[in-house]
Amino acid sequence: MIRKALILVTSLAAISIGALAVMSFSCRSEFDCLDLADCVPMICTGTDSSTGESYVIEPHMYPEDYCVVEDAGAALWWKVTRSGLSAPSLPGVTMHHQEYAKGRRAYVYASRGECLWVQFTIRNPAGPAPVQSKKNFIAFSIERDGTDSRIYLSSYIDPQMCVDEYKSLCDAVATVDIVRVQLWLPFILFAAYPLTVLVTGIYRRRIRRKRNQCLKCAYDLTGNTSGICPECGDSV
């Protein structure tokens, strides 16, 4: 009973991982975008150089169906366009997105034959960039990267952008910690047991058939004419 349950569990796990590996190449995952209809416009003021009077800059009106990525840091790290007439996407599947406290957020992706756990930790834009590192193991790696070496928000700020977009850009400068796992490793680990049982079962049946033994219990059937194994009762 335990053996059958183990075969079932490992087979289902191997099939799931195999399907995920195929999807990591064949599918595309869109970035979450801001709902611009519900965004709060940023109130900005300017000063007339000739009169010295202050005036309010009209809020920006986005084109219909315009898309702005909610997590600008993720867009910067993946090197995709942050905004446009369609939601940017990347190859693979986004399986999980988690917002943590104190300016951290994490994603789990399956992309191009590997599973990635990626965590963004917000850092000071004027501070030092993280030291890039990478430790490679048999089928996985642990890395550290950054969304950009230095990003000065003033170069990104449009006085007419909405508050939500501005906050997204403020959170874009981040240290990125990545764990990459090649999907072939867990696939082989889970598929090994059911495949071994299948191959040994086929080989065992061939040997018992040649020796004129019961395929189920290996009882010697020489001279048996009843068509029933006297040991286990299985039909032969």
Foldseek 3Di string as FASTA:
>chain_A
DVLVVLLVVLVVVLVVLVVQLVQQAVDKDFADWDPVVPFAKFWDWDADPVPRDIDTDDADDDDPQKTAGLQLQVCLQVVHDRIGNHTDIARWDWDDKADDPQLKIWTWTRHNQKIKIKMWHADDLPDAFDDWDWDDDDFKIKIKGWSDGHDDCVVVDDSNYTPSNSVSVNSNTTIMIMMMGGSVVSSCVSPVVSVVVVVVLVVQQVVLVVQCAPSPPRHRCVPPDPQADPPPRDGD
